Amino acid sequence: EGVEKDLQATILLEAKCQKAQGFLYSKAVPA
């Protein structure tokens, strides 16, 4: 949760984390 930077996503991917959510991709939006 709370991924906001590309480098954070890269570190998580290298650690084999499957998914991420946060402002790097999108805030919560209506249906």
ModelCIF file with pLDDT and N, C-alpha, C, O atoms, coordinates in Angstrom:
data_MODEL
#
_entry.id   MODEL 
#
_entity.id                         1 
_entity.type                       polymer 
_entity.pdbx_number_of_molecules   1 
#
_entity_poly.entity_id                      1 
_entity_poly.type                           'polypeptide(L)' 
_entity_poly.nstd_linkage                   no 
_entity_poly.nstd_monomer                   no 
_entity_poly.pdbx_seq_one_letter_code       EGVEKDLQATILLEAKCQKAQGFLYSKAVPA 
_entity_poly.pdbx_seq_one_letter_code_can   EGVEKDLQATILLEAKCQKAQGFLYSKAVPA 
_entity_poly.pdbx_strand_id                 A 
#
loop_
_entity_poly_seq.entity_id 
_entity_poly_seq.num 
_entity_poly_seq.mon_id 
_entity_poly_seq.hetero 
1 1  GLU n 
1 2  GLY n 
1 3  VAL n 
1 4  GLU n 
1 5  LYS n 
1 6  ASP n 
1 7  LEU n 
1 8  GLN n 
1 9  ALA n 
1 10 THR n 
1 11 ILE n 
1 12 LEU n 
1 13 LEU n 
1 14 GLU n 
1 15 ALA n 
1 16 LYS n 
1 17 CYS n 
1 18 GLN n 
1 19 LYS n 
1 20 ALA n 
1 21 GLN n 
1 22 GLY n 
1 23 PHE n 
1 24 LEU n 
1 25 TYR n 
1 26 SER n 
1 27 LYS n 
1 28 ALA n 
1 29 VAL n 
1 30 PRO n 
1 31 ALA n 
#
_struct_asym.id          A 
_struct_asym.entity_id   1 
#
loop_
_ma_qa_metric.id 
_ma_qa_metric.mode 
_ma_qa_metric.name 
_ma_qa_metric.software_group_id 
_ma_qa_metric.type 
1 global pLDDT . pLDDT 
2 local  pLDDT . pLDDT 
#
_ma_qa_metric_global.metric_id      1 
_ma_qa_metric_global.metric_value   93.23 
_ma_qa_metric_global.model_id       1 
_ma_qa_metric_global.ordinal_id     1 
#
loop_
_ma_qa_metric_local.label_asym_id 
_ma_qa_metric_local.label_comp_id 
_ma_qa_metric_local.label_seq_id 
_ma_qa_metric_local.metric_id 
_ma_qa_metric_local.metric_value 
_ma_qa_metric_local.model_id 
_ma_qa_metric_local.ordinal_id 
A GLU 1  2 92.00 1 1  
A GLY 2  2 91.00 1 2  
A VAL 3  2 93.00 1 3  
A GLU 4  2 91.00 1 4  
A LYS 5  2 91.00 1 5  
A ASP 6  2 93.00 1 6  
A LEU 7  2 94.00 1 7  
A GLN 8  2 93.00 1 8  
A ALA 9  2 94.00 1 9  
A THR 10 2 94.00 1 10 
A ILE 11 2 94.00 1 11 
A LEU 12 2 94.00 1 12 
A LEU 13 2 94.00 1 13 
A GLU 14 2 93.00 1 14 
A ALA 15 2 93.00 1 15 
A LYS 16 2 94.00 1 16 
A CYS 17 2 95.00 1 17 
A GLN 18 2 95.00 1 18 
A LYS 19 2 96.00 1 19 
A ALA 20 2 95.00 1 20 
A GLN 21 2 95.00 1 21 
A GLY 22 2 93.00 1 22 
A PHE 23 2 92.00 1 23 
A LEU 24 2 92.00 1 24 
A TYR 25 2 93.00 1 25 
A SER 26 2 93.00 1 26 
A LYS 27 2 92.00 1 27 
A ALA 28 2 92.00 1 28 
A VAL 29 2 93.00 1 29 
A PRO 30 2 93.00 1 30 
A ALA 31 2 93.00 1 31 
#
loop_
_atom_site.group_PDB 
_atom_site.id 
_atom_site.type_symbol 
_atom_site.label_atom_id 
_atom_site.label_alt_id 
_atom_site.label_comp_id 
_atom_site.label_asym_id 
_atom_site.label_entity_id 
_atom_site.label_seq_id 
_atom_site.pdbx_PDB_ins_code 
_atom_site.Cartn_x 
_atom_site.Cartn_y 
_atom_site.Cartn_z 
_atom_site.occupancy 
_atom_site.B_iso_or_equiv 
_atom_site.pdbx_formal_charge 
_atom_site.auth_seq_id 
_atom_site.auth_comp_id 
_atom_site.auth_asym_id 
_atom_site.auth_atom_id 
_atom_site.pdbx_PDB_model_num 
ATOM 1   N N  . GLU A 1 1  ? 0.835   -1.200  0.000   1.00 92.00 ? 1  GLU A N  1 
ATOM 2   C CA . GLU A 1 1  ? 0.000   0.000   0.000   1.00 92.00 ? 1  GLU A CA 1 
ATOM 3   C C  . GLU A 1 1  ? 0.875   1.258   0.000   1.00 92.00 ? 1  GLU A C  1 
ATOM 4   O O  . GLU A 1 1  ? 2.008   1.237   0.480   1.00 92.00 ? 1  GLU A O  1 
ATOM 5   N N  . GLY A 1 2  ? 0.338   2.343   -0.540  1.00 91.00 ? 2  GLY A N  1 
ATOM 6   C CA . GLY A 1 2  ? 1.002   3.636   -0.446  1.00 91.00 ? 2  GLY A CA 1 
ATOM 7   C C  . GLY A 1 2  ? 2.201   3.793   -1.352  1.00 91.00 ? 2  GLY A C  1 
ATOM 8   O O  . GLY A 1 2  ? 3.118   4.548   -1.027  1.00 91.00 ? 2  GLY A O  1 
ATOM 9   N N  . VAL A 1 3  ? 2.224   3.101   -2.486  1.00 93.00 ? 3  VAL A N  1 
ATOM 10  C CA . VAL A 1 3  ? 3.348   3.230   -3.422  1.00 93.00 ? 3  VAL A CA 1 
ATOM 11  C C  . VAL A 1 3  ? 3.183   4.521   -4.219  1.00 93.00 ? 3  VAL A C  1 
ATOM 12  O O  . VAL A 1 3  ? 2.161   4.727   -4.874  1.00 93.00 ? 3  VAL A O  1 
ATOM 13  N N  . GLU A 1 4  ? 4.184   5.381   -4.160  1.00 91.00 ? 4  GLU A N  1 
ATOM 14  C CA . GLU A 1 4  ? 4.092   6.691   -4.804  1.00 91.00 ? 4  GLU A CA 1 
ATOM 15  C C  . GLU A 1 4  ? 5.235   6.970   -5.778  1.00 91.00 ? 4  GLU A C  1 
ATOM 16  O O  . GLU A 1 4  ? 5.180   7.940   -6.534  1.00 91.00 ? 4  GLU A O  1 
ATOM 17  N N  . LYS A 1 5  ? 6.286   6.116   -5.765  1.00 91.00 ? 5  LYS A N  1 
ATOM 18  C CA . LYS A 1 5  ? 7.453   6.378   -6.600  1.00 91.00 ? 5  LYS A CA 1 
ATOM 19  C C  . LYS A 1 5  ? 7.822   5.132   -7.403  1.00 91.00 ? 5  LYS A C  1 
ATOM 20  O O  . LYS A 1 5  ? 7.619   3.998   -6.969  1.00 91.00 ? 5  LYS A O  1 
ATOM 21  N N  . ASP A 1 6  ? 8.376   5.388   -8.595  1.00 93.00 ? 6  ASP A N  1 
ATOM 22  C CA . ASP A 1 6  ? 8.794   4.266   -9.451  1.00 93.00 ? 6  ASP A CA 1 
ATOM 23  C C  . ASP A 1 6  ? 9.837   3.401   -8.764  1.00 93.00 ? 6  ASP A C  1 
ATOM 24  O O  . ASP A 1 6  ? 9.797   2.175   -8.872  1.00 93.00 ? 6  ASP A O  1 
ATOM 25  N N  . LEU A 1 7  ? 10.778  4.036   -8.052  1.00 94.00 ? 7  LEU A N  1 
ATOM 26  C CA . LEU A 1 7  ? 11.839  3.270   -7.400  1.00 94.00 ? 7  LEU A CA 1 
ATOM 27  C C  . LEU A 1 7  ? 11.275  2.354   -6.321  1.00 94.00 ? 7  LEU A C  1 
ATOM 28  O O  . LEU A 1 7  ? 11.784  1.254   -6.105  1.00 94.00 ? 7  LEU A O  1 
ATOM 29  N N  . GLN A 1 8  ? 10.234  2.804   -5.652  1.00 93.00 ? 8  GLN A N  1 
ATOM 30  C CA . GLN A 1 8  ? 9.579   1.943   -4.656  1.00 93.00 ? 8  GLN A CA 1 
ATOM 31  C C  . GLN A 1 8  ? 8.997   0.709   -5.328  1.00 93.00 ? 8  GLN A C  1 
ATOM 32  O O  . GLN A 1 8  ? 9.141   -0.409  -4.834  1.00 93.00 ? 8  GLN A O  1 
ATOM 33  N N  . ALA A 1 9  ? 8.338   0.927   -6.462  1.00 94.00 ? 9  ALA A N  1 
ATOM 34  C CA . ALA A 1 9  ? 7.754   -0.199  -7.203  1.00 94.00 ? 9  ALA A CA 1 
ATOM 35  C C  . ALA A 1 9  ? 8.836   -1.167  -7.678  1.00 94.00 ? 9  ALA A C  1 
ATOM 36  O O  . ALA A 1 9  ? 8.648   -2.384  -7.654  1.00 94.00 ? 9  ALA A O  1 
ATOM 37  N N  . THR A 1 10 ? 9.967   -0.616  -8.108  1.00 94.00 ? 10 THR A N  1 
ATOM 38  C CA . THR A 1 10 ? 11.073  -1.464  -8.583  1.00 94.00 ? 10 THR A CA 1 
ATOM 39  C C  . THR A 1 10 ? 11.609  -2.339  -7.458  1.00 94.00 ? 10 THR A C  1 
ATOM 40  O O  . THR A 1 10 ? 11.841  -3.533  -7.646  1.00 94.00 ? 10 THR A O  1 
ATOM 41  N N  . ILE A 1 11 ? 11.802  -1.744  -6.299  1.00 94.00 ? 11 ILE A N  1 
ATOM 42  C CA . ILE A 1 11 ? 12.306  -2.502  -5.144  1.00 94.00 ? 11 ILE A CA 1 
ATOM 43  C C  . ILE A 1 11 ? 11.335  -3.605  -4.763  1.00 94.00 ? 11 ILE A C  1 
ATOM 44  O O  . ILE A 1 11 ? 11.750  -4.719  -4.444  1.00 94.00 ? 11 ILE A O  1 
ATOM 45  N N  . LEU A 1 12 ? 10.052  -3.301  -4.794  1.00 94.00 ? 12 LEU A N  1 
ATOM 46  C CA . LEU A 1 12 ? 9.026   -4.294  -4.432  1.00 94.00 ? 12 LEU A CA 1 
ATOM 47  C C  . LEU A 1 12 ? 8.971   -5.417  -5.467  1.00 94.00 ? 12 LEU A C  1 
ATOM 48  O O  . LEU A 1 12 ? 8.816   -6.584  -5.110  1.00 94.00 ? 12 LEU A O  1 
ATOM 49  N N  . LEU A 1 13 ? 9.095   -5.072  -6.721  1.00 94.00 ? 13 LEU A N  1 
ATOM 50  C CA . LEU A 1 13 ? 9.092   -6.093  -7.771  1.00 94.00 ? 13 LEU A CA 1 
ATOM 51  C C  . LEU A 1 13 ? 10.280  -7.025  -7.616  1.00 94.00 ? 13 LEU A C  1 
ATOM 52  O O  . LEU A 1 13 ? 10.142  -8.242  -7.738  1.00 94.00 ? 13 LEU A O  1 
ATOM 53  N N  . GLU A 1 14 ? 11.453  -6.451  -7.347  1.00 93.00 ? 14 GLU A N  1 
ATOM 54  C CA . GLU A 1 14 ? 12.649  -7.280  -7.145  1.00 93.00 ? 14 GLU A CA 1 
ATOM 55  C C  . GLU A 1 14 ? 12.493  -8.202  -5.943  1.00 93.00 ? 14 GLU A C  1 
ATOM 56  O O  . GLU A 1 14 ? 13.089  -9.278  -5.896  1.00 93.00 ? 14 GLU A O  1 
ATOM 57  N N  . ALA A 1 15 ? 11.696  -7.778  -4.980  1.00 93.00 ? 15 ALA A N  1 
ATOM 58  C CA . ALA A 1 15 ? 11.466  -8.606  -3.789  1.00 93.00 ? 15 ALA A CA 1 
ATOM 59  C C  . ALA A 1 15 ? 10.341  -9.610  -4.004  1.00 93.00 ? 15 ALA A C  1 
ATOM 60  O O  . ALA A 1 15 ? 9.980   -10.353 -3.091  1.00 93.00 ? 15 ALA A O  1 
ATOM 61  N N  . LYS A 1 16 ? 9.771   -9.631  -5.256  1.00 94.00 ? 16 LYS A N  1 
ATOM 62  C CA . LYS A 1 16 ? 8.713   -10.580 -5.640  1.00 94.00 ? 16 LYS A CA 1 
ATOM 63  C C  . LYS A 1 16 ? 7.366   -10.259 -4.985  1.00 94.00 ? 16 LYS A C  1 
ATOM 64  O O  . LYS A 1 16 ? 6.556   -11.152 -4.736  1.00 94.00 ? 16 LYS A O  1 
ATOM 65  N N  . CYS A 1 17 ? 7.142   -8.976  -4.712  1.00 95.00 ? 17 CYS A N  1 
ATOM 66  C CA . CYS A 1 17 ? 5.816   -8.544  -4.257  1.00 95.00 ? 17 CYS A CA 1 
ATOM 67  C C  . CYS A 1 17 ? 4.893   -8.565  -5.482  1.00 95.00 ? 17 CYS A C  1 
ATOM 68  O O  . CYS A 1 17 ? 5.241   -8.015  -6.527  1.00 95.00 ? 17 CYS A O  1 
ATOM 69  N N  . GLN A 1 18 ? 3.715   -9.200  -5.358  1.00 95.00 ? 18 GLN A N  1 
ATOM 70  C CA . GLN A 1 18 ? 2.851   -9.386  -6.533  1.00 95.00 ? 18 GLN A CA 1 
ATOM 71  C C  . GLN A 1 18 ? 2.153   -8.108  -6.992  1.00 95.00 ? 18 GLN A C  1 
ATOM 72  O O  . GLN A 1 18 ? 2.141   -7.801  -8.184  1.00 95.00 ? 18 GLN A O  1 
ATOM 73  N N  . LYS A 1 19 ? 1.559   -7.347  -6.030  1.00 96.00 ? 19 LYS A N  1 
ATOM 74  C CA . LYS A 1 19 ? 0.754   -6.199  -6.432  1.00 96.00 ? 19 LYS A CA 1 
ATOM 75  C C  . LYS A 1 19 ? 1.096   -4.965  -5.596  1.00 96.00 ? 19 LYS A C  1 
ATOM 76  O O  . LYS A 1 19 ? 1.707   -5.045  -4.530  1.00 96.00 ? 19 LYS A O  1 
ATOM 77  N N  . ALA A 1 20 ? 0.670   -3.814  -6.139  1.00 95.00 ? 20 ALA A N  1 
ATOM 78  C CA . ALA A 1 20 ? 0.865   -2.560  -5.410  1.00 95.00 ? 20 ALA A CA 1 
ATOM 79  C C  . ALA A 1 20 ? -0.300  -1.632  -5.714  1.00 95.00 ? 20 ALA A C  1 
ATOM 80  O O  . ALA A 1 20 ? -0.924  -1.711  -6.772  1.00 95.00 ? 20 ALA A O  1 
ATOM 81  N N  . GLN A 1 21 ? -0.577  -0.749  -4.761  1.00 95.00 ? 21 GLN A N  1 
ATOM 82  C CA . GLN A 1 21 ? -1.578  0.285   -4.979  1.00 95.00 ? 21 GLN A CA 1 
ATOM 83  C C  . GLN A 1 21 ? -1.075  1.576   -4.352  1.00 95.00 ? 21 GLN A C  1 
ATOM 84  O O  . GLN A 1 21 ? -0.326  1.556   -3.375  1.00 95.00 ? 21 GLN A O  1 
ATOM 85  N N  . GLY A 1 22 ? -1.493  2.689   -4.921  1.00 93.00 ? 22 GLY A N  1 
ATOM 86  C CA . GLY A 1 22 ? -1.036  3.978   -4.406  1.00 93.00 ? 22 GLY A CA 1 
ATOM 87  C C  . GLY A 1 22 ? -1.135  5.048   -5.459  1.00 93.00 ? 22 GLY A C  1 
ATOM 88  O O  . GLY A 1 22 ? -1.559  4.784   -6.584  1.00 93.00 ? 22 GLY A O  1 
ATOM 89  N N  . PHE A 1 23 ? -0.743  6.266   -5.102  1.00 92.00 ? 23 PHE A N  1 
ATOM 90  C CA . PHE A 1 23 ? -0.883  7.407   -5.998  1.00 92.00 ? 23 PHE A CA 1 
ATOM 91  C C  . PHE A 1 23 ? 0.002   7.303   -7.236  1.00 92.00 ? 23 PHE A C  1 
ATOM 92  O O  . PHE A 1 23 ? -0.219  8.019   -8.213  1.00 92.00 ? 23 PHE A O  1 
ATOM 93  N N  . LEU A 1 24 ? 1.005   6.417   -7.207  1.00 92.00 ? 24 LEU A N  1 
ATOM 94  C CA . LEU A 1 24 ? 1.823   6.214   -8.409  1.00 92.00 ? 24 LEU A CA 1 
ATOM 95  C C  . LEU A 1 24 ? 0.945   5.734   -9.564  1.00 92.00 ? 24 LEU A C  1 
ATOM 96  O O  . LEU A 1 24 ? 1.206   6.055   -10.723 1.00 92.00 ? 24 LEU A O  1 
ATOM 97  N N  . TYR A 1 25 ? -0.087  4.970   -9.244  1.00 93.00 ? 25 TYR A N  1 
ATOM 98  C CA . TYR A 1 25 ? -0.970  4.394   -10.266 1.00 93.00 ? 25 TYR A CA 1 
ATOM 99  C C  . TYR A 1 25 ? -2.290  5.154   -10.352 1.00 93.00 ? 25 TYR A C  1 
ATOM 100 O O  . TYR A 1 25 ? -2.738  5.534   -11.434 1.00 93.00 ? 25 TYR A O  1 
ATOM 101 N N  . SER A 1 26 ? -2.889  5.363   -9.209  1.00 93.00 ? 26 SER A N  1 
ATOM 102 C CA . SER A 1 26 ? -4.160  6.077   -9.206  1.00 93.00 ? 26 SER A CA 1 
ATOM 103 C C  . SER A 1 26 ? -4.644  6.270   -7.784  1.00 93.00 ? 26 SER A C  1 
ATOM 104 O O  . SER A 1 26 ? -4.427  5.421   -6.920  1.00 93.00 ? 26 SER A O  1 
ATOM 105 N N  . LYS A 1 27 ? -5.305  7.400   -7.547  1.00 92.00 ? 27 LYS A N  1 
ATOM 106 C CA . LYS A 1 27 ? -6.018  7.544   -6.287  1.00 92.00 ? 27 LYS A CA 1 
ATOM 107 C C  . LYS A 1 27 ? -7.329  6.780   -6.401  1.00 92.00 ? 27 LYS A C  1 
ATOM 108 O O  . LYS A 1 27 ? -7.643  6.262   -7.472  1.00 92.00 ? 27 LYS A O  1 
ATOM 109 N N  . ALA A 1 28 ? -8.093  6.699   -5.335  1.00 92.00 ? 28 ALA A N  1 
ATOM 110 C CA . ALA A 1 28 ? -9.400  6.054   -5.388  1.00 92.00 ? 28 ALA A CA 1 
ATOM 111 C C  . ALA A 1 28 ? -10.349 6.941   -6.191  1.00 92.00 ? 28 ALA A C  1 
ATOM 112 O O  . ALA A 1 28 ? -10.431 8.145   -5.947  1.00 92.00 ? 28 ALA A O  1 
ATOM 113 N N  . VAL A 1 29 ? -11.069 6.350   -7.149  1.00 93.00 ? 29 VAL A N  1 
ATOM 114 C CA . VAL A 1 29 ? -11.945 7.131   -8.044  1.00 93.00 ? 29 VAL A CA 1 
ATOM 115 C C  . VAL A 1 29 ? -13.339 6.515   -8.065  1.00 93.00 ? 29 VAL A C  1 
ATOM 116 O O  . VAL A 1 29 ? -13.502 5.359   -7.676  1.00 93.00 ? 29 VAL A O  1 
ATOM 117 N N  . PRO A 1 30 ? -14.352 7.265   -8.512  1.00 93.00 ? 30 PRO A N  1 
ATOM 118 C CA . PRO A 1 30 ? -15.729 6.734   -8.579  1.00 93.00 ? 30 PRO A CA 1 
ATOM 119 C C  . PRO A 1 30 ? -15.847 5.574   -9.565  1.00 93.00 ? 30 PRO A C  1 
ATOM 120 O O  . PRO A 1 30 ? -14.967 5.356   -10.397 1.00 93.00 ? 30 PRO A O  1 
ATOM 121 N N  . ALA A 1 31 ? -16.947 4.838   -9.455  1.00 93.00 ? 31 ALA A N  1 
ATOM 122 C CA . ALA A 1 31 ? -17.144 3.629   -10.265 1.00 93.00 ? 31 ALA A CA 1 
ATOM 123 C C  . ALA A 1 31 ? -17.179 3.939   -11.756 1.00 93.00 ? 31 ALA A C  1 
ATOM 124 O O  . ALA A 1 31 ? -17.337 3.032   -12.572 1.00 93.00 ? 31 ALA A O  1 
#
